[in-house]
Amino acid sequence: MPTNLSPTLPRLSFGITLFALATSGCEGPPYRNSQRCVDDTTIEACGCLEADGCKCRQSACESGVCVEVGPALATCAVSKEPWPACDASVAKQVLCDGDTIYTCLSGWRLLPTANRCAGVCVAREPQALCAVSPDPWPACDPQVSQEQLCDGDTPYECVDGYRLAGGAGACQAPAQCKTDGVRATCKAAP
């Protein structure tokens, strides 16, 4: 049975799910699909659905503080002040701090503060990534934004020439890693 290569980019949790609801006749604040800080550690998200009317829900920042990063947009951040390495003019950034990777939103470093890379954190534009090496991987095409390849019987993923750290691991015998030019999967030997 084919097994697809699982995504290897780090999954970052922002401490609160930012969501948008379709508007339908909601008037005035705090509605119209907005988020705001109720206090230093609580976010209130409001939205309207035709079937349910307008509702608000509060969520606590488990650690850190609530910051308003734009009109009607709040999130949990490391501090009330913008983070020095985060560029306030960029809506979303993914950056390195040693061998960890973290996310910035409009200048604020989001919670959780960081996720440790299985390999090394490579600082690059438009976003950092966790790779097996700080240098581009010879088999990965730097002109292809995302590809999947085989290293013997181990499928792996490349992004902009870098082999991503982690992955699904080696295929279980008798399956072999095969690529169709787009995806690398473990397939039973013929």
N, C-alpha and C. Protein backbone atom coordinates (compact mmCIF):
# COMPACT_ATOMS: atom_id res chain seq x y z
N MET A 1 0.84 -1.18 0.00
CA MET A 1 0.00 0.00 0.00
C MET A 1 0.89 1.24 0.00
N PRO A 2 0.64 2.23 -0.91
CA PRO A 2 1.48 3.42 -0.97
C PRO A 2 1.36 4.22 0.32
N THR A 3 2.48 4.78 0.72
CA THR A 3 2.50 5.66 1.88
C THR A 3 3.03 6.99 1.43
N ASN A 4 2.26 8.06 1.58
CA ASN A 4 2.72 9.38 1.16
C ASN A 4 3.70 9.93 2.16
N LEU A 5 4.65 10.71 1.67
CA LEU A 5 5.61 11.39 2.53
C LEU A 5 4.84 12.40 3.37
N SER A 6 4.98 12.32 4.67
CA SER A 6 4.28 13.27 5.52
C SER A 6 4.97 14.62 5.47
N PRO A 7 4.21 15.72 5.62
CA PRO A 7 4.82 17.04 5.58
C PRO A 7 5.86 17.17 6.69
N THR A 8 6.96 17.84 6.39
CA THR A 8 8.01 17.95 7.39
C THR A 8 8.24 19.37 7.85
N LEU A 9 7.53 20.35 7.29
CA LEU A 9 7.69 21.70 7.80
C LEU A 9 7.14 21.74 9.21
N PRO A 10 7.76 22.52 10.09
CA PRO A 10 7.29 22.56 11.47
C PRO A 10 5.87 23.10 11.54
N ARG A 11 5.10 22.51 12.39
CA ARG A 11 3.73 22.97 12.60
C ARG A 11 3.76 23.87 13.83
N LEU A 12 3.42 25.14 13.61
CA LEU A 12 3.49 26.08 14.70
C LEU A 12 2.09 26.38 15.21
N SER A 13 1.94 26.34 16.49
CA SER A 13 0.67 26.65 17.12
C SER A 13 0.77 28.05 17.68
N PHE A 14 -0.18 28.88 17.43
CA PHE A 14 -0.10 30.26 17.86
C PHE A 14 -0.81 30.50 19.18
N GLY A 15 -1.23 29.46 19.90
CA GLY A 15 -1.84 29.65 21.21
C GLY A 15 -3.31 29.97 21.13
N ILE A 16 -3.77 30.48 20.01
CA ILE A 16 -5.19 30.77 19.80
C ILE A 16 -5.46 30.61 18.32
N THR A 17 -6.57 30.07 17.99
CA THR A 17 -6.93 29.92 16.59
C THR A 17 -7.54 31.23 16.10
N LEU A 18 -6.89 31.82 15.11
CA LEU A 18 -7.42 33.04 14.53
C LEU A 18 -8.43 32.62 13.46
N PHE A 19 -9.64 33.11 13.59
CA PHE A 19 -10.64 32.67 12.64
C PHE A 19 -11.46 33.85 12.12
N ALA A 20 -12.08 33.65 10.98
CA ALA A 20 -12.94 34.66 10.40
C ALA A 20 -14.30 34.04 10.15
N LEU A 21 -15.33 34.80 10.40
CA LEU A 21 -16.70 34.34 10.17
C LEU A 21 -17.34 35.25 9.13
N ALA A 22 -18.24 34.71 8.34
CA ALA A 22 -18.92 35.52 7.33
C ALA A 22 -19.87 36.50 8.00
N THR A 23 -19.79 37.78 7.59
CA THR A 23 -20.66 38.78 8.20
C THR A 23 -22.04 38.72 7.60
N SER A 24 -23.01 39.12 8.41
CA SER A 24 -24.38 39.14 7.93
C SER A 24 -25.20 40.06 8.83
N GLY A 25 -25.12 41.34 8.57
CA GLY A 25 -25.97 42.28 9.27
C GLY A 25 -25.54 42.62 10.68
N CYS A 26 -24.33 42.33 11.10
CA CYS A 26 -23.87 42.71 12.44
C CYS A 26 -23.50 44.17 12.41
N GLU A 27 -23.92 44.90 13.39
CA GLU A 27 -23.65 46.33 13.43
C GLU A 27 -22.81 46.70 14.63
N GLY A 28 -21.85 47.55 14.44
CA GLY A 28 -21.09 48.17 15.51
C GLY A 28 -20.13 47.26 16.24
N PRO A 29 -19.19 47.88 16.99
CA PRO A 29 -18.25 47.11 17.78
C PRO A 29 -18.97 46.39 18.89
N PRO A 30 -18.51 45.28 19.41
CA PRO A 30 -17.24 44.66 19.08
C PRO A 30 -17.38 43.63 17.97
N TYR A 31 -18.45 43.69 17.17
CA TYR A 31 -18.68 42.68 16.15
C TYR A 31 -17.93 42.96 14.86
N ARG A 32 -18.41 42.48 13.78
CA ARG A 32 -17.81 42.59 12.45
C ARG A 32 -16.48 41.82 12.38
N ASN A 33 -16.48 40.59 12.91
CA ASN A 33 -15.33 39.70 12.77
C ASN A 33 -14.04 40.35 13.25
N SER A 34 -14.01 40.64 14.51
CA SER A 34 -12.85 41.32 15.06
C SER A 34 -12.28 40.57 16.25
N GLN A 35 -11.05 40.91 16.58
CA GLN A 35 -10.39 40.39 17.76
C GLN A 35 -9.81 41.58 18.51
N ARG A 36 -9.81 41.47 19.84
CA ARG A 36 -9.24 42.54 20.65
C ARG A 36 -8.73 41.96 21.95
N CYS A 37 -7.86 42.71 22.61
CA CYS A 37 -7.37 42.31 23.93
C CYS A 37 -8.36 42.83 24.97
N VAL A 38 -8.90 41.94 25.77
CA VAL A 38 -9.79 42.34 26.86
C VAL A 38 -8.93 42.86 28.02
N ASP A 39 -7.82 42.18 28.27
CA ASP A 39 -6.83 42.59 29.26
C ASP A 39 -5.48 42.07 28.77
N ASP A 40 -4.46 42.08 29.62
CA ASP A 40 -3.12 41.68 29.19
C ASP A 40 -2.99 40.23 28.77
N THR A 41 -3.92 39.38 29.18
CA THR A 41 -3.77 37.95 28.88
C THR A 41 -5.01 37.31 28.25
N THR A 42 -5.99 38.12 27.80
CA THR A 42 -7.23 37.56 27.26
C THR A 42 -7.58 38.19 25.91
N ILE A 43 -7.85 37.32 24.94
CA ILE A 43 -8.29 37.76 23.61
C ILE A 43 -9.78 37.51 23.49
N GLU A 44 -10.49 38.47 22.91
CA GLU A 44 -11.90 38.29 22.61
C GLU A 44 -12.05 38.32 21.09
N ALA A 45 -12.63 37.25 20.53
CA ALA A 45 -12.87 37.15 19.09
C ALA A 45 -14.37 37.20 18.87
N CYS A 46 -14.81 38.11 18.02
CA CYS A 46 -16.24 38.27 17.75
C CYS A 46 -16.51 38.08 16.26
N GLY A 47 -17.63 37.49 15.97
CA GLY A 47 -18.01 37.29 14.58
C GLY A 47 -19.48 37.03 14.44
N CYS A 48 -19.94 37.06 13.22
CA CYS A 48 -21.36 36.90 12.94
C CYS A 48 -21.58 35.84 11.88
N LEU A 49 -22.55 34.99 12.10
CA LEU A 49 -23.02 34.03 11.13
C LEU A 49 -24.52 34.25 10.96
N GLU A 50 -24.98 34.10 9.75
CA GLU A 50 -26.39 34.34 9.48
C GLU A 50 -27.28 33.49 10.38
N ALA A 51 -26.93 32.22 10.55
CA ALA A 51 -27.76 31.31 11.34
C ALA A 51 -27.69 31.57 12.84
N ASP A 52 -26.52 32.00 13.34
CA ASP A 52 -26.32 32.13 14.78
C ASP A 52 -26.31 33.56 15.30
N GLY A 53 -26.31 34.54 14.44
CA GLY A 53 -26.18 35.92 14.89
C GLY A 53 -24.75 36.21 15.28
N CYS A 54 -24.57 37.26 16.06
CA CYS A 54 -23.23 37.69 16.45
C CYS A 54 -22.88 37.12 17.81
N LYS A 55 -21.65 36.62 17.92
CA LYS A 55 -21.19 36.04 19.18
C LYS A 55 -19.73 36.40 19.40
N CYS A 56 -19.34 36.43 20.66
CA CYS A 56 -17.94 36.65 21.03
C CYS A 56 -17.47 35.48 21.88
N ARG A 57 -16.17 35.18 21.77
CA ARG A 57 -15.56 34.11 22.57
C ARG A 57 -14.24 34.62 23.10
N GLN A 58 -13.98 34.34 24.36
CA GLN A 58 -12.72 34.77 24.97
C GLN A 58 -11.78 33.58 25.12
N SER A 59 -10.49 33.83 24.89
CA SER A 59 -9.45 32.81 25.05
C SER A 59 -8.29 33.43 25.81
N ALA A 60 -7.71 32.65 26.71
CA ALA A 60 -6.58 33.14 27.50
C ALA A 60 -5.27 32.84 26.78
N CYS A 61 -4.33 33.76 26.89
CA CYS A 61 -2.96 33.50 26.45
C CYS A 61 -2.34 32.67 27.57
N GLU A 62 -2.00 31.41 27.28
CA GLU A 62 -1.53 30.50 28.32
C GLU A 62 -0.27 31.02 29.00
N SER A 63 0.58 31.65 28.26
CA SER A 63 1.74 32.36 28.82
C SER A 63 1.99 33.51 27.86
N GLY A 64 2.61 34.54 28.32
CA GLY A 64 2.80 35.69 27.45
C GLY A 64 1.66 36.68 27.62
N VAL A 65 1.52 37.55 26.64
CA VAL A 65 0.57 38.64 26.74
C VAL A 65 -0.25 38.78 25.46
N CYS A 66 -1.40 39.40 25.59
CA CYS A 66 -2.25 39.70 24.44
C CYS A 66 -1.77 41.02 23.85
N VAL A 67 -1.59 41.04 22.52
CA VAL A 67 -1.23 42.27 21.82
C VAL A 67 -2.16 42.45 20.63
N GLU A 68 -2.49 43.70 20.34
CA GLU A 68 -3.28 44.01 19.15
C GLU A 68 -2.29 44.37 18.05
N VAL A 69 -2.22 43.51 17.03
CA VAL A 69 -1.21 43.65 15.98
C VAL A 69 -1.70 44.38 14.75
N GLY A 70 -2.95 44.73 14.74
CA GLY A 70 -3.53 45.45 13.62
C GLY A 70 -4.97 45.74 13.90
N PRO A 71 -5.63 46.45 12.98
CA PRO A 71 -7.05 46.72 13.18
C PRO A 71 -7.83 45.41 13.30
N ALA A 72 -8.52 45.23 14.40
CA ALA A 72 -9.39 44.08 14.64
C ALA A 72 -8.63 42.75 14.64
N LEU A 73 -7.32 42.75 14.98
CA LEU A 73 -6.54 41.52 15.02
C LEU A 73 -5.67 41.51 16.27
N ALA A 74 -5.87 40.50 17.12
CA ALA A 74 -5.10 40.34 18.35
C ALA A 74 -4.52 38.93 18.38
N THR A 75 -3.42 38.75 19.12
CA THR A 75 -2.78 37.45 19.25
C THR A 75 -1.99 37.38 20.56
N CYS A 76 -1.51 36.19 20.90
CA CYS A 76 -0.66 36.01 22.08
C CYS A 76 0.80 36.14 21.66
N ALA A 77 1.54 36.99 22.38
CA ALA A 77 2.94 37.26 22.04
C ALA A 77 3.83 37.06 23.26
N VAL A 78 5.13 37.05 23.02
CA VAL A 78 6.12 36.89 24.08
C VAL A 78 6.13 38.10 25.01
N SER A 79 5.97 39.31 24.43
CA SER A 79 6.00 40.51 25.25
C SER A 79 5.09 41.57 24.65
N LYS A 80 4.82 42.62 25.43
CA LYS A 80 4.00 43.74 24.96
C LYS A 80 4.73 44.57 23.91
N GLU A 81 6.05 44.51 23.93
CA GLU A 81 6.86 45.27 22.99
C GLU A 81 7.17 44.44 21.76
N PRO A 82 7.28 45.08 20.58
CA PRO A 82 7.69 44.32 19.39
C PRO A 82 9.04 43.63 19.64
N TRP A 83 9.22 42.46 19.01
CA TRP A 83 10.45 41.68 19.18
C TRP A 83 11.52 42.28 18.27
N PRO A 84 12.75 42.51 18.76
CA PRO A 84 13.78 43.18 17.97
C PRO A 84 14.06 42.53 16.60
N ALA A 85 14.05 41.21 16.50
CA ALA A 85 14.37 40.55 15.23
C ALA A 85 13.19 40.52 14.26
N CYS A 86 12.00 40.82 14.74
CA CYS A 86 10.80 40.79 13.88
C CYS A 86 10.63 42.12 13.16
N ASP A 87 10.33 42.07 11.88
CA ASP A 87 10.12 43.26 11.07
C ASP A 87 8.65 43.64 11.12
N ALA A 88 8.34 44.79 11.71
CA ALA A 88 6.95 45.22 11.87
C ALA A 88 6.26 45.47 10.53
N SER A 89 7.03 45.69 9.46
CA SER A 89 6.42 45.96 8.15
C SER A 89 6.03 44.68 7.42
N VAL A 90 6.42 43.51 7.98
CA VAL A 90 6.10 42.22 7.36
C VAL A 90 4.97 41.57 8.15
N ALA A 91 3.90 41.20 7.47
CA ALA A 91 2.74 40.62 8.16
C ALA A 91 3.10 39.34 8.92
N LYS A 92 3.80 38.40 8.27
CA LYS A 92 4.17 37.14 8.93
C LYS A 92 5.57 36.75 8.52
N GLN A 93 6.38 36.39 9.52
CA GLN A 93 7.75 35.93 9.27
C GLN A 93 7.97 34.63 10.04
N VAL A 94 8.84 33.79 9.51
CA VAL A 94 9.32 32.61 10.23
C VAL A 94 10.83 32.76 10.29
N LEU A 95 11.38 32.81 11.52
CA LEU A 95 12.79 33.13 11.73
C LEU A 95 13.50 32.07 12.55
N CYS A 96 14.84 32.16 12.59
CA CYS A 96 15.68 31.26 13.38
C CYS A 96 16.21 31.97 14.61
N ASP A 97 16.35 31.19 15.66
CA ASP A 97 17.06 31.62 16.87
C ASP A 97 17.91 30.41 17.26
N GLY A 98 19.13 30.35 16.74
CA GLY A 98 19.96 29.16 16.92
C GLY A 98 19.35 28.00 16.16
N ASP A 99 19.09 26.87 16.84
CA ASP A 99 18.50 25.70 16.17
C ASP A 99 16.99 25.62 16.41
N THR A 100 16.39 26.76 16.71
CA THR A 100 14.93 26.80 16.88
C THR A 100 14.32 27.73 15.84
N ILE A 101 13.05 27.51 15.57
CA ILE A 101 12.33 28.28 14.58
C ILE A 101 11.12 28.91 15.28
N TYR A 102 10.82 30.17 14.95
CA TYR A 102 9.68 30.84 15.58
C TYR A 102 8.99 31.75 14.57
N THR A 103 7.80 32.21 14.93
CA THR A 103 6.97 33.02 14.04
C THR A 103 6.77 34.42 14.60
N CYS A 104 6.79 35.41 13.70
CA CYS A 104 6.49 36.79 14.05
C CYS A 104 5.24 37.22 13.28
N LEU A 105 4.43 38.04 13.91
CA LEU A 105 3.25 38.60 13.26
C LEU A 105 3.30 40.11 13.46
N SER A 106 3.48 40.85 12.38
CA SER A 106 3.53 42.31 12.39
C SER A 106 4.45 42.87 13.46
N GLY A 107 5.61 42.22 13.68
CA GLY A 107 6.60 42.73 14.61
C GLY A 107 6.63 42.06 15.96
N TRP A 108 5.64 41.24 16.28
CA TRP A 108 5.60 40.57 17.58
C TRP A 108 5.93 39.10 17.43
N ARG A 109 6.76 38.58 18.36
CA ARG A 109 7.10 37.16 18.39
C ARG A 109 5.96 36.42 19.07
N LEU A 110 5.40 35.46 18.33
CA LEU A 110 4.23 34.74 18.81
C LEU A 110 4.59 33.59 19.74
N LEU A 111 3.62 33.16 20.51
CA LEU A 111 3.74 31.96 21.34
C LEU A 111 3.22 30.78 20.55
N PRO A 112 3.72 29.57 20.72
CA PRO A 112 4.84 29.27 21.59
C PRO A 112 6.09 29.96 21.06
N THR A 113 7.05 30.20 21.93
CA THR A 113 8.20 31.00 21.54
C THR A 113 9.00 30.35 20.43
N ALA A 114 9.10 29.02 20.41
CA ALA A 114 9.90 28.39 19.36
C ALA A 114 9.67 26.88 19.33
N ASN A 115 10.00 26.30 18.21
CA ASN A 115 10.01 24.85 18.04
C ASN A 115 11.41 24.45 17.64
N ARG A 116 11.98 23.48 18.32
CA ARG A 116 13.35 23.04 18.03
C ARG A 116 13.35 22.25 16.71
N CYS A 117 14.32 22.56 15.86
CA CYS A 117 14.47 21.86 14.59
C CYS A 117 15.08 20.48 14.82
N ALA A 118 14.66 19.49 14.03
CA ALA A 118 15.27 18.16 14.08
C ALA A 118 16.68 18.21 13.51
N GLY A 119 16.94 19.17 12.64
CA GLY A 119 18.27 19.36 12.05
C GLY A 119 18.80 20.72 12.45
N VAL A 120 18.99 21.59 11.47
CA VAL A 120 19.45 22.96 11.72
C VAL A 120 18.42 23.94 11.18
N CYS A 121 18.30 25.08 11.83
CA CYS A 121 17.41 26.12 11.34
C CYS A 121 18.17 26.94 10.32
N VAL A 122 17.61 27.07 9.11
CA VAL A 122 18.24 27.82 8.03
C VAL A 122 17.45 29.12 7.84
N ALA A 123 18.10 30.23 8.15
CA ALA A 123 17.48 31.54 7.98
C ALA A 123 17.56 31.91 6.50
N ARG A 124 16.41 32.08 5.89
CA ARG A 124 16.35 32.41 4.46
C ARG A 124 15.04 33.11 4.17
N GLU A 125 14.96 33.76 3.03
CA GLU A 125 13.73 34.42 2.60
C GLU A 125 12.94 33.47 1.73
N PRO A 126 11.64 33.39 1.78
CA PRO A 126 10.77 34.25 2.57
C PRO A 126 10.57 33.77 4.00
N GLN A 127 10.98 32.54 4.32
CA GLN A 127 10.84 32.08 5.69
C GLN A 127 11.90 31.03 6.00
N ALA A 128 12.25 30.96 7.27
CA ALA A 128 13.24 29.99 7.73
C ALA A 128 12.65 28.58 7.62
N LEU A 129 13.53 27.59 7.61
CA LEU A 129 13.08 26.20 7.58
C LEU A 129 14.05 25.32 8.34
N CYS A 130 13.58 24.13 8.71
CA CYS A 130 14.41 23.14 9.40
C CYS A 130 14.97 22.19 8.35
N ALA A 131 16.28 22.17 8.19
CA ALA A 131 16.94 21.37 7.16
C ALA A 131 17.95 20.42 7.79
N VAL A 132 18.43 19.46 6.99
CA VAL A 132 19.44 18.53 7.49
C VAL A 132 20.84 19.16 7.47
N SER A 133 21.00 20.24 6.71
CA SER A 133 22.30 20.88 6.56
C SER A 133 22.08 22.38 6.37
N PRO A 134 23.03 23.21 6.80
CA PRO A 134 22.88 24.65 6.56
C PRO A 134 23.10 25.02 5.09
N ASP A 135 23.61 24.07 4.31
CA ASP A 135 23.88 24.30 2.88
C ASP A 135 22.83 23.60 2.03
N PRO A 136 22.59 24.12 0.81
CA PRO A 136 21.67 23.42 -0.09
C PRO A 136 22.10 21.97 -0.28
N TRP A 137 21.12 21.07 -0.46
CA TRP A 137 21.37 19.64 -0.64
C TRP A 137 21.63 19.37 -2.11
N PRO A 138 22.71 18.64 -2.46
CA PRO A 138 23.08 18.45 -3.87
C PRO A 138 21.96 17.89 -4.75
N ALA A 139 21.16 16.98 -4.26
CA ALA A 139 20.12 16.37 -5.10
C ALA A 139 18.88 17.25 -5.23
N CYS A 140 18.74 18.26 -4.40
CA CYS A 140 17.56 19.14 -4.44
C CYS A 140 17.78 20.26 -5.45
N ASP A 141 16.79 20.49 -6.28
CA ASP A 141 16.86 21.54 -7.31
C ASP A 141 16.50 22.89 -6.68
N PRO A 142 17.43 23.84 -6.62
CA PRO A 142 17.12 25.13 -6.00
C PRO A 142 16.08 25.95 -6.79
N GLN A 143 15.83 25.55 -8.04
CA GLN A 143 14.84 26.24 -8.87
C GLN A 143 13.43 25.72 -8.66
N VAL A 144 13.29 24.62 -7.90
CA VAL A 144 11.98 24.02 -7.64
C VAL A 144 11.59 24.37 -6.20
N SER A 145 10.43 25.02 -6.04
CA SER A 145 10.05 25.47 -4.70
C SER A 145 9.80 24.32 -3.74
N GLN A 146 9.23 23.22 -4.23
CA GLN A 146 8.98 22.07 -3.36
C GLN A 146 8.98 20.80 -4.20
N GLU A 147 9.76 19.80 -3.75
CA GLU A 147 9.80 18.52 -4.46
C GLU A 147 10.04 17.40 -3.46
N GLN A 148 9.70 16.19 -3.86
CA GLN A 148 9.94 15.01 -3.04
C GLN A 148 10.82 14.05 -3.82
N LEU A 149 11.84 13.51 -3.14
CA LEU A 149 12.80 12.63 -3.77
C LEU A 149 13.03 11.39 -2.91
N CYS A 150 13.82 10.46 -3.44
CA CYS A 150 14.18 9.25 -2.70
C CYS A 150 15.68 9.23 -2.45
N ASP A 151 16.07 8.83 -1.25
CA ASP A 151 17.47 8.58 -0.91
C ASP A 151 17.51 7.10 -0.54
N GLY A 152 17.80 6.24 -1.53
CA GLY A 152 17.66 4.81 -1.32
C GLY A 152 16.18 4.50 -1.11
N ASP A 153 15.84 3.93 0.03
CA ASP A 153 14.44 3.64 0.32
C ASP A 153 13.84 4.62 1.32
N THR A 154 14.39 5.84 1.38
CA THR A 154 13.87 6.87 2.28
C THR A 154 13.36 8.05 1.48
N PRO A 155 12.05 8.30 1.53
CA PRO A 155 11.52 9.49 0.86
C PRO A 155 11.87 10.74 1.67
N TYR A 156 12.12 11.84 1.00
CA TYR A 156 12.37 13.10 1.69
C TYR A 156 11.86 14.26 0.85
N GLU A 157 11.78 15.41 1.49
CA GLU A 157 11.23 16.59 0.85
C GLU A 157 12.28 17.68 0.75
N CYS A 158 12.27 18.41 -0.37
CA CYS A 158 13.17 19.54 -0.58
C CYS A 158 12.32 20.81 -0.75
N VAL A 159 12.84 21.91 -0.21
CA VAL A 159 12.23 23.22 -0.41
C VAL A 159 13.34 24.17 -0.85
N ASP A 160 13.19 24.73 -2.03
CA ASP A 160 14.16 25.70 -2.57
C ASP A 160 15.61 25.23 -2.46
N GLY A 161 15.85 23.95 -2.70
CA GLY A 161 17.20 23.42 -2.70
C GLY A 161 17.68 22.85 -1.38
N TYR A 162 16.90 22.97 -0.31
CA TYR A 162 17.28 22.44 1.00
C TYR A 162 16.50 21.17 1.30
N ARG A 163 17.20 20.15 1.81
CA ARG A 163 16.53 18.92 2.25
C ARG A 163 16.00 19.16 3.65
N LEU A 164 14.69 19.00 3.81
CA LEU A 164 14.07 19.24 5.10
C LEU A 164 14.42 18.16 6.11
N ALA A 165 14.55 18.56 7.35
CA ALA A 165 14.83 17.62 8.43
C ALA A 165 13.55 16.88 8.80
N GLY A 166 13.70 15.71 9.38
CA GLY A 166 12.54 14.92 9.77
C GLY A 166 12.05 14.11 8.59
N GLY A 167 10.79 13.79 8.59
CA GLY A 167 10.22 13.03 7.49
C GLY A 167 9.65 11.72 7.95
N ALA A 168 9.21 10.93 7.00
CA ALA A 168 8.49 9.69 7.30
C ALA A 168 9.42 8.54 7.66
N GLY A 169 10.70 8.64 7.35
CA GLY A 169 11.62 7.53 7.61
C GLY A 169 11.66 6.58 6.42
N ALA A 170 12.47 5.54 6.55
CA ALA A 170 12.66 4.57 5.47
C ALA A 170 11.40 3.75 5.23
N CYS A 171 11.24 3.32 3.99
CA CYS A 171 10.13 2.43 3.62
C CYS A 171 10.33 1.08 4.32
N GLN A 172 9.24 0.46 4.70
CA GLN A 172 9.29 -0.87 5.31
C GLN A 172 9.36 -1.93 4.20
N ALA A 173 10.35 -2.82 4.27
CA ALA A 173 10.51 -3.88 3.27
C ALA A 173 9.22 -4.71 3.23
N PRO A 174 8.78 -5.11 2.11
CA PRO A 174 9.43 -5.09 0.80
C PRO A 174 9.16 -3.83 -0.01
N ALA A 175 8.52 -2.83 0.58
CA ALA A 175 8.24 -1.59 -0.16
C ALA A 175 9.54 -0.86 -0.48
N GLN A 176 9.51 -0.10 -1.58
CA GLN A 176 10.66 0.69 -2.01
C GLN A 176 10.20 2.11 -2.27
N CYS A 177 11.11 3.05 -2.09
CA CYS A 177 10.80 4.45 -2.36
C CYS A 177 10.79 4.66 -3.88
N LYS A 178 9.72 5.25 -4.37
CA LYS A 178 9.56 5.55 -5.79
C LYS A 178 9.07 6.98 -5.91
N THR A 179 9.53 7.66 -6.95
CA THR A 179 9.06 9.01 -7.20
C THR A 179 8.43 9.08 -8.59
N ASP A 180 7.38 9.87 -8.69
CA ASP A 180 6.72 10.04 -9.98
C ASP A 180 7.04 11.42 -10.56
N GLY A 181 8.06 12.07 -10.01
CA GLY A 181 8.42 13.40 -10.45
C GLY A 181 7.79 14.50 -9.63
N VAL A 182 6.80 14.15 -8.82
CA VAL A 182 6.13 15.11 -7.95
C VAL A 182 6.19 14.64 -6.51
N ARG A 183 5.78 13.38 -6.29
CA ARG A 183 5.73 12.82 -4.95
C ARG A 183 6.64 11.61 -4.84
N ALA A 184 7.18 11.46 -3.64
CA ALA A 184 7.95 10.25 -3.32
C ALA A 184 7.11 9.42 -2.37
N THR A 185 6.91 8.15 -2.71
CA THR A 185 6.08 7.29 -1.88
C THR A 185 6.75 5.92 -1.73
N CYS A 186 6.32 5.21 -0.71
CA CYS A 186 6.77 3.83 -0.52
C CYS A 186 5.78 2.93 -1.25
N LYS A 187 6.28 2.15 -2.20
CA LYS A 187 5.41 1.27 -2.98
C LYS A 187 5.97 -0.15 -2.93
N ALA A 188 5.06 -1.09 -2.99
CA ALA A 188 5.46 -2.51 -2.98
C ALA A 188 6.29 -2.78 -4.25
N ALA A 189 7.34 -3.55 -4.07
CA ALA A 189 8.19 -3.92 -5.21
C ALA A 189 7.40 -4.80 -6.17
N PRO A 190 7.64 -4.62 -7.49
CA PRO A 190 6.89 -5.43 -8.49
C PRO A 190 7.30 -6.88 -8.46
